[in-house]
Amino acid sequence: MQLGEQPLLRIWAARDFLASLDMASDKLPNAREELASAVQALLADVAANDVGETERRALDGALSPHAAELKGALLKALRLCSCARGFLGLPLLMEETRRLVCAAPAKGTAQYLEEALCADIDQCAEPIALKAVVDPMSFLNGQDLDTGKARVKRELGGHDLPAPHKKSCRTALNRASKALGALEVAQRKEQAAARPAPAVHMERDVRLDDAEEAASREAARTAAMDALFSKASVG
């Protein structure tokens, strides 16, 4: 599926409008929210739709060089489960976002991940979205998603996550893993309850079988006697 240019145009328009405002402007909060909404919409589209690799590469190449200009919007997107898979589809942008998190204040990181993201995880009922949260949090913590091993400092480009930030990532990761496990258990129970009950075949009482056999024998004996008497009468 192709997203087209509209999501990108919305981001650039929101970015440019925000850059044009004076820091004292009363339009600043709404402009920041519009930019955040535009970035979140694009990430959510990438996450929810089967966007082709060619288009994802183009989006990644267009957005990642401007990560610093989109800083606030990208960090806010980390608060939402619906955006997690979108980050995975745009690896260059995800790496730039990781570097932004490294430089972010510990208090703000905790608010976004330990509070906002965890709250969104608690409300999420989509297994794919919950599962997707685990990988970006692992990536932010310095894990190589292909090998599952921790990347060395050289591979991190000198941008290693501070200890408090790592704690925030682990907290969100553990919450997502726990929520995913609980959701899967609940779904299995629902599926089991929806299955029809197995048919139960009761064994017949052996006394019923004996009674039927006795009745059959008596009927045969009676028929034989009737036939014998009938024959004698004719003779």
Protein backbone atom coordinates (compact mmCIF):
# COMPACT_ATOMS: atom_id res chain seq x y z
CA MET A 1 0.00 0.00 0.00
CA GLN A 2 1.16 3.54 -0.74
CA LEU A 3 0.56 6.46 1.59
CA GLY A 4 1.24 9.12 -0.98
CA GLU A 5 2.79 12.52 -0.28
CA GLN A 6 -0.02 13.99 1.83
CA PRO A 7 1.27 12.82 5.26
CA LEU A 8 4.72 14.24 4.54
CA LEU A 9 3.29 17.51 3.25
CA ARG A 10 1.28 17.84 6.43
CA ILE A 11 4.42 17.34 8.53
CA TRP A 12 6.45 19.89 6.55
CA ALA A 13 3.63 22.43 6.68
CA ALA A 14 3.29 22.02 10.45
CA ARG A 15 7.06 22.19 10.92
CA ASP A 16 7.41 25.35 8.86
CA PHE A 17 4.52 27.06 10.61
CA LEU A 18 5.99 26.20 14.01
CA ALA A 19 9.40 27.54 12.96
CA SER A 20 7.80 30.81 11.85
CA LEU A 21 6.32 31.54 15.28
CA ASP A 22 7.89 33.68 17.94
CA MET A 23 8.55 31.85 21.20
CA ALA A 24 6.06 34.16 22.91
CA SER A 25 3.29 33.45 20.41
CA ASP A 26 0.04 32.14 21.84
CA LYS A 27 -0.23 29.92 18.76
CA LEU A 28 2.83 27.93 19.83
CA PRO A 29 1.05 25.17 21.82
CA ASN A 30 -1.43 24.41 19.05
CA ALA A 31 1.33 24.47 16.43
CA ARG A 32 3.36 21.95 18.43
CA GLU A 33 0.34 19.70 18.82
CA GLU A 34 -0.37 19.86 15.09
CA LEU A 35 3.17 18.79 14.29
CA ALA A 36 2.97 15.99 16.85
CA SER A 37 -0.38 14.87 15.41
CA ALA A 38 1.02 14.87 11.85
CA VAL A 39 4.03 12.75 12.85
CA GLN A 40 1.86 10.35 14.85
CA ALA A 41 -0.56 9.97 11.96
CA LEU A 42 2.24 9.02 9.57
CA LEU A 43 3.77 6.53 12.01
CA ALA A 44 0.36 5.02 12.73
CA ASP A 45 -0.30 4.64 8.98
CA VAL A 46 3.03 2.89 8.48
CA ALA A 47 2.24 0.66 11.46
CA ALA A 48 -1.29 -0.25 10.43
CA ASN A 49 -0.87 -0.64 6.66
CA ASP A 50 1.24 -2.86 4.48
CA VAL A 51 3.48 -0.05 3.23
CA GLY A 52 6.00 -1.28 0.67
CA GLU A 53 9.71 -1.25 1.36
CA THR A 54 10.43 1.27 -1.40
CA GLU A 55 8.04 3.81 0.08
CA ARG A 56 9.21 3.17 3.61
CA ARG A 57 12.80 3.79 2.53
CA ALA A 58 11.73 7.03 0.87
CA LEU A 59 9.87 8.17 3.98
CA ASP A 60 12.79 7.19 6.18
CA GLY A 61 15.24 9.06 3.99
CA ALA A 62 13.03 12.16 3.94
CA LEU A 63 12.32 12.32 7.67
CA SER A 64 15.50 11.13 9.41
CA PRO A 65 17.71 14.13 8.41
CA HIS A 66 15.11 16.44 9.99
CA ALA A 67 14.73 14.54 13.27
CA ALA A 68 16.08 17.45 15.31
CA GLU A 69 13.38 19.73 13.89
CA LEU A 70 10.76 17.10 14.72
CA LYS A 71 12.19 16.35 18.17
CA GLY A 72 9.13 17.16 20.27
CA ALA A 73 6.79 15.34 17.90
CA LEU A 74 8.97 12.21 17.73
CA LEU A 75 9.33 11.99 21.50
CA LYS A 76 5.57 12.39 21.91
CA ALA A 77 5.03 9.56 19.42
CA LEU A 78 6.90 7.23 21.78
CA ARG A 79 3.96 7.57 24.17
CA LEU A 80 1.62 5.65 21.84
CA CYS A 81 1.45 1.92 21.15
CA SER A 82 -0.05 2.69 17.73
CA CYS A 83 3.20 4.36 16.61
CA ALA A 84 5.64 1.66 17.77
CA ARG A 85 5.44 -0.48 14.64
CA GLY A 86 5.78 2.65 12.52
CA PHE A 87 9.16 3.35 14.12
CA LEU A 88 10.23 -0.22 13.33
CA GLY A 89 9.36 0.37 9.68
CA LEU A 90 11.55 3.50 9.58
CA PRO A 91 14.86 2.35 11.12
CA LEU A 92 16.88 5.49 10.32
CA LEU A 93 14.27 7.67 11.98
CA MET A 94 14.14 5.28 14.94
CA GLU A 95 17.91 5.61 15.39
CA GLU A 96 17.69 9.39 15.28
CA THR A 97 14.88 9.23 17.83
CA ARG A 98 17.05 7.04 20.07
CA ARG A 99 19.73 9.72 19.99
CA LEU A 100 17.16 12.38 20.87
CA VAL A 101 16.04 10.30 23.85
CA CYS A 102 19.67 10.02 25.01
CA ALA A 103 19.84 13.80 25.28
CA ALA A 104 16.37 14.28 26.77
CA PRO A 105 15.88 15.05 30.48
CA ALA A 106 15.38 11.95 32.64
CA LYS A 107 12.19 13.38 34.17
CA GLY A 108 10.61 13.99 30.78
CA THR A 109 11.62 10.53 29.55
CA ALA A 110 10.04 8.95 32.62
CA GLN A 111 6.82 10.91 32.05
CA TYR A 112 6.61 9.83 28.43
CA LEU A 113 7.56 6.16 28.88
CA GLU A 114 6.82 5.13 32.46
CA GLU A 115 3.61 7.14 32.72
CA ALA A 116 2.09 7.98 29.32
CA LEU A 117 3.21 4.92 27.37
CA CYS A 118 2.44 2.52 30.22
CA ALA A 119 -1.02 4.06 30.54
CA ASP A 120 -1.58 3.55 26.80
CA ILE A 121 -0.33 -0.05 27.10
CA ASP A 122 -2.92 -0.69 29.82
CA GLN A 123 -5.67 0.48 27.45
CA CYS A 124 -4.37 -1.34 24.36
CA ALA A 125 -6.24 -4.44 23.20
CA GLU A 126 -4.25 -5.05 20.00
CA PRO A 127 -1.68 -7.89 20.29
CA ILE A 128 0.31 -6.63 17.28
CA ALA A 129 0.63 -3.13 18.76
CA LEU A 130 1.64 -4.47 22.19
CA LYS A 131 4.21 -6.79 20.66
CA ALA A 132 5.59 -3.93 18.59
CA VAL A 133 6.23 -1.81 21.69
CA VAL A 134 8.82 -4.30 22.95
CA ASP A 135 11.22 -3.86 20.03
CA PRO A 136 11.52 -0.04 20.03
CA MET A 137 12.07 -0.07 23.80
CA SER A 138 14.78 -2.71 23.37
CA PHE A 139 16.31 -0.67 20.56
CA LEU A 140 16.34 2.49 22.66
CA ASN A 141 18.16 0.50 25.31
CA GLY A 142 20.93 -0.29 22.82
CA GLN A 143 19.89 -3.74 21.64
CA ASP A 144 20.55 -4.92 18.09
CA LEU A 145 17.13 -6.14 16.96
CA ASP A 146 18.60 -8.52 14.37
CA THR A 147 20.95 -10.36 16.73
CA GLY A 148 19.29 -9.64 20.07
CA LYS A 149 22.66 -8.59 21.49
CA ALA A 150 23.65 -5.28 23.06
CA ARG A 151 25.39 -2.92 20.67
CA VAL A 152 28.86 -1.74 21.66
CA LYS A 153 29.61 1.96 22.16
CA ARG A 154 31.17 2.23 18.72
CA GLU A 155 27.94 0.99 17.15
CA LEU A 156 25.93 3.44 19.25
CA GLY A 157 27.85 6.35 17.77
CA GLY A 158 28.67 7.73 21.19
CA HIS A 159 24.98 8.03 22.09
CA ASP A 160 24.45 5.65 24.97
CA LEU A 161 21.25 5.86 26.98
CA PRO A 162 21.77 7.10 30.57
CA ALA A 163 20.82 4.69 33.37
CA PRO A 164 17.55 6.48 34.34
CA HIS A 165 16.42 6.43 30.70
CA LYS A 166 17.20 2.70 30.47
CA LYS A 167 15.04 2.11 33.52
CA SER A 168 12.15 3.93 31.83
CA CYS A 169 12.55 1.79 28.70
CA ARG A 170 12.66 -1.43 30.73
CA THR A 171 9.56 -0.39 32.67
CA ALA A 172 7.59 0.15 29.46
CA LEU A 173 8.98 -3.01 27.88
CA ASN A 174 8.02 -5.14 30.87
CA ARG A 175 4.55 -3.58 31.02
CA ALA A 176 3.98 -4.33 27.32
CA SER A 177 5.20 -7.92 27.68
CA LYS A 178 2.95 -8.51 30.69
CA ALA A 179 -0.07 -6.95 28.96
CA LEU A 180 0.54 -9.03 25.84
CA GLY A 181 0.73 -12.24 27.87
CA ALA A 182 -2.51 -11.42 29.72
CA LEU A 183 -4.28 -10.58 26.45
CA GLU A 184 -3.19 -13.84 24.84
CA VAL A 185 -4.41 -15.85 27.84
CA ALA A 186 -7.78 -14.07 27.71
CA GLN A 187 -8.11 -14.72 23.98
CA ARG A 188 -7.35 -18.42 24.42
CA LYS A 189 -10.05 -18.64 27.09
CA GLU A 190 -12.56 -16.92 24.82
CA GLN A 191 -11.73 -19.28 21.97
CA ALA A 192 -12.09 -22.29 24.24
CA ALA A 193 -15.45 -21.06 25.51
CA ALA A 194 -16.69 -20.54 21.95
CA ARG A 195 -15.96 -24.13 20.91
CA PRO A 196 -18.97 -26.53 21.01
CA ALA A 197 -18.95 -28.96 23.92
CA PRO A 198 -17.73 -32.43 22.91
CA ALA A 199 -20.45 -35.05 22.46
CA VAL A 200 -20.75 -37.41 25.42
CA HIS A 201 -21.56 -41.03 24.63
CA MET A 202 -23.01 -42.81 27.66
CA GLU A 203 -22.52 -46.54 27.88
CA ARG A 204 -25.80 -48.46 27.89
CA ASP A 205 -26.78 -50.19 31.07
CA VAL A 206 -25.88 -53.86 30.63
CA ARG A 207 -29.24 -54.78 32.21
CA LEU A 208 -31.05 -53.10 29.31
CA ASP A 209 -29.06 -55.19 26.84
CA ASP A 210 -29.88 -58.39 28.80
CA ALA A 211 -33.59 -57.52 28.90
CA GLU A 212 -33.67 -56.86 25.15
CA GLU A 213 -31.91 -60.17 24.41
CA ALA A 214 -34.33 -62.06 26.70
CA ALA A 215 -37.33 -60.43 25.01
CA SER A 216 -35.93 -61.33 21.60
CA ARG A 217 -35.43 -64.95 22.63
CA GLU A 218 -38.96 -65.16 24.06
CA ALA A 219 -40.41 -63.72 20.86
CA ALA A 220 -38.49 -66.23 18.78
CA ARG A 221 -39.64 -69.11 21.02
CA THR A 222 -43.26 -67.97 20.85
CA ALA A 223 -43.06 -67.70 17.06
CA ALA A 224 -41.61 -71.20 16.82
CA MET A 225 -44.36 -72.66 19.02
CA ASP A 226 -47.05 -70.92 16.99
CA ALA A 227 -45.56 -72.30 13.82
CA LEU A 228 -45.46 -75.81 15.31
CA PHE A 229 -49.07 -75.70 16.45
CA SER A 230 -50.15 -74.33 13.12
CA LYS A 231 -48.42 -77.18 11.32
CA ALA A 232 -49.95 -79.79 13.63
CA SER A 233 -53.41 -78.38 13.05
CA VAL A 234 -53.03 -78.56 9.31
CA GLY A 235 -51.84 -82.15 9.51
